[in-house]
Amino acid sequence: SSEEIPSADETKQWKMTLVGDYFHLLELFAAWEGHPHATEITLMKMAPISPSVCRAEILVRQTAPVKTAH
């Protein structure tokens, strides 16, 4: 087939598991998205471990090389 599959170098993505207080995790995601990272995060799944602790699985994808503005 003539379809091009992007190489691993072009689209880097990895999974991360974060464990912590639900609201702290939400703050972390909000802070992350508010920063000009060259990554985008997708929340895959959030599961409570206990009433105050959640485990969040996120997918981090590198979308572009980091540009530094002067």
C-alpha atoms as a PDB file:
ATOM      1  CA  SER A   1       0.000   0.000   0.000  1.00  0.00           C
ATOM      2  CA  SER A   2       1.088   3.592  -0.532  1.00  0.00           C
ATOM      3  CA  GLU A   3       0.039   4.769   2.913  1.00  0.00           C
ATOM      4  CA  GLU A   4       2.829   6.357   4.861  1.00  0.00           C
ATOM      5  CA  ILE A   5       3.200   5.301   8.446  1.00  0.00           C
ATOM      6  CA  PRO A   6       4.874   8.008  10.500  1.00  0.00           C
ATOM      7  CA  SER A   7       8.117   6.820  11.979  1.00  0.00           C
ATOM      8  CA  ALA A   8       8.649   6.689  15.711  1.00  0.00           C
ATOM      9  CA  ASP A   9      10.857   9.755  15.414  1.00  0.00           C
ATOM     10  CA  GLU A  10       8.097  11.903  13.963  1.00  0.00           C
ATOM     11  CA  THR A  11       5.357  11.206  16.455  1.00  0.00           C
ATOM     12  CA  LYS A  12       6.674  10.352  19.862  1.00  0.00           C
ATOM     13  CA  GLN A  13       4.110   9.354  22.391  1.00  0.00           C
ATOM     14  CA  TRP A  14       4.225   7.661  25.727  1.00  0.00           C
ATOM     15  CA  LYS A  15       1.912   6.745  28.559  1.00  0.00           C
ATOM     16  CA  MET A  16       2.213   8.080  32.061  1.00  0.00           C
ATOM     17  CA  THR A  17       0.421   7.040  35.205  1.00  0.00           C
ATOM     18  CA  LEU A  18      -0.076   9.696  37.840  1.00  0.00           C
ATOM     19  CA  VAL A  19      -1.310   8.967  41.331  1.00  0.00           C
ATOM     20  CA  GLY A  20      -2.535  11.673  43.636  1.00  0.00           C
ATOM     21  CA  ASP A  21      -5.311  13.797  44.984  1.00  0.00           C
ATOM     22  CA  TYR A  22      -8.046  14.315  42.392  1.00  0.00           C
ATOM     23  CA  PHE A  23      -7.991  18.110  42.557  1.00  0.00           C
ATOM     24  CA  HIS A  24      -4.212  18.247  42.450  1.00  0.00           C
ATOM     25  CA  LEU A  25      -4.265  16.113  39.323  1.00  0.00           C
ATOM     26  CA  LEU A  26      -6.816  18.438  37.735  1.00  0.00           C
ATOM     27  CA  GLU A  27      -4.658  21.431  38.637  1.00  0.00           C
ATOM     28  CA  LEU A  28      -1.653  19.697  37.137  1.00  0.00           C
ATOM     29  CA  PHE A  29      -3.495  19.046  33.862  1.00  0.00           C
ATOM     30  CA  ALA A  30      -4.738  22.640  33.746  1.00  0.00           C
ATOM     31  CA  ALA A  31      -1.249  23.981  34.371  1.00  0.00           C
ATOM     32  CA  TRP A  32       0.220  21.644  31.765  1.00  0.00           C
ATOM     33  CA  GLU A  33      -2.261  22.708  29.107  1.00  0.00           C
ATOM     34  CA  GLY A  34      -1.710  26.371  29.957  1.00  0.00           C
ATOM     35  CA  HIS A  35       1.987  26.101  29.161  1.00  0.00           C
ATOM     36  CA  PRO A  36       3.420  26.274  25.646  1.00  0.00           C
ATOM     37  CA  HIS A  37       4.692  22.717  25.697  1.00  0.00           C
ATOM     38  CA  ALA A  38       5.356  20.899  22.478  1.00  0.00           C
ATOM     39  CA  THR A  39       3.260  18.098  23.882  1.00  0.00           C
ATOM     40  CA  GLU A  40      -0.410  17.445  24.163  1.00  0.00           C
ATOM     41  CA  ILE A  41      -1.929  15.281  26.831  1.00  0.00           C
ATOM     42  CA  THR A  42      -4.967  13.076  26.649  1.00  0.00           C
ATOM     43  CA  LEU A  43      -6.562  11.731  29.786  1.00  0.00           C
ATOM     44  CA  MET A  44      -7.139   8.064  29.052  1.00  0.00           C
ATOM     45  CA  LYS A  45      -8.685   6.935  32.276  1.00  0.00           C
ATOM     46  CA  MET A  46      -9.081   8.160  35.831  1.00  0.00           C
ATOM     47  CA  ALA A  47      -9.814   5.650  38.555  1.00  0.00           C
ATOM     48  CA  PRO A  48     -10.215   6.239  42.276  1.00  0.00           C
ATOM     49  CA  ILE A  49      -7.921   4.168  44.472  1.00  0.00           C
ATOM     50  CA  SER A  50      -9.411   5.523  47.689  1.00  0.00           C
ATOM     51  CA  PRO A  51     -11.856   8.356  48.455  1.00  0.00           C
ATOM     52  CA  SER A  52      -9.068  10.940  48.238  1.00  0.00           C
ATOM     53  CA  VAL A  53      -6.587   9.364  45.845  1.00  0.00           C
ATOM     54  CA  CYS A  54      -6.968   8.833  42.102  1.00  0.00           C
ATOM     55  CA  ARG A  55      -4.867   7.114  39.516  1.00  0.00           C
ATOM     56  CA  ALA A  56      -4.837   8.858  36.166  1.00  0.00           C
ATOM     57  CA  GLU A  57      -3.501   7.314  32.988  1.00  0.00           C
ATOM     58  CA  ILE A  58      -2.512   9.893  30.426  1.00  0.00           C
ATOM     59  CA  LEU A  59      -1.139   9.720  26.940  1.00  0.00           C
ATOM     60  CA  VAL A  60       1.504  12.299  26.159  1.00  0.00           C
ATOM     61  CA  ARG A  61       2.157  13.064  22.522  1.00  0.00           C
ATOM     62  CA  GLN A  62       4.950  15.223  21.214  1.00  0.00           C
ATOM     63  CA  THR A  63       3.350  17.480  18.640  1.00  0.00           C
ATOM     64  CA  ALA A  64       6.157  19.783  17.574  1.00  0.00           C
ATOM     65  CA  PRO A  65       9.733  20.688  18.331  1.00  0.00           C
ATOM     66  CA  VAL A  66      10.079  23.223  21.093  1.00  0.00           C
ATOM     67  CA  LYS A  67      10.442  26.752  19.806  1.00  0.00           C
ATOM     68  CA  THR A  68      12.169  29.344  21.925  1.00  0.00           C
ATOM     69  CA  ALA A  69      10.943  32.896  21.483  1.00  0.00           C
ATOM     70  CA  HIS A  70      13.339  35.760  22.079  1.00  0.00           C
END
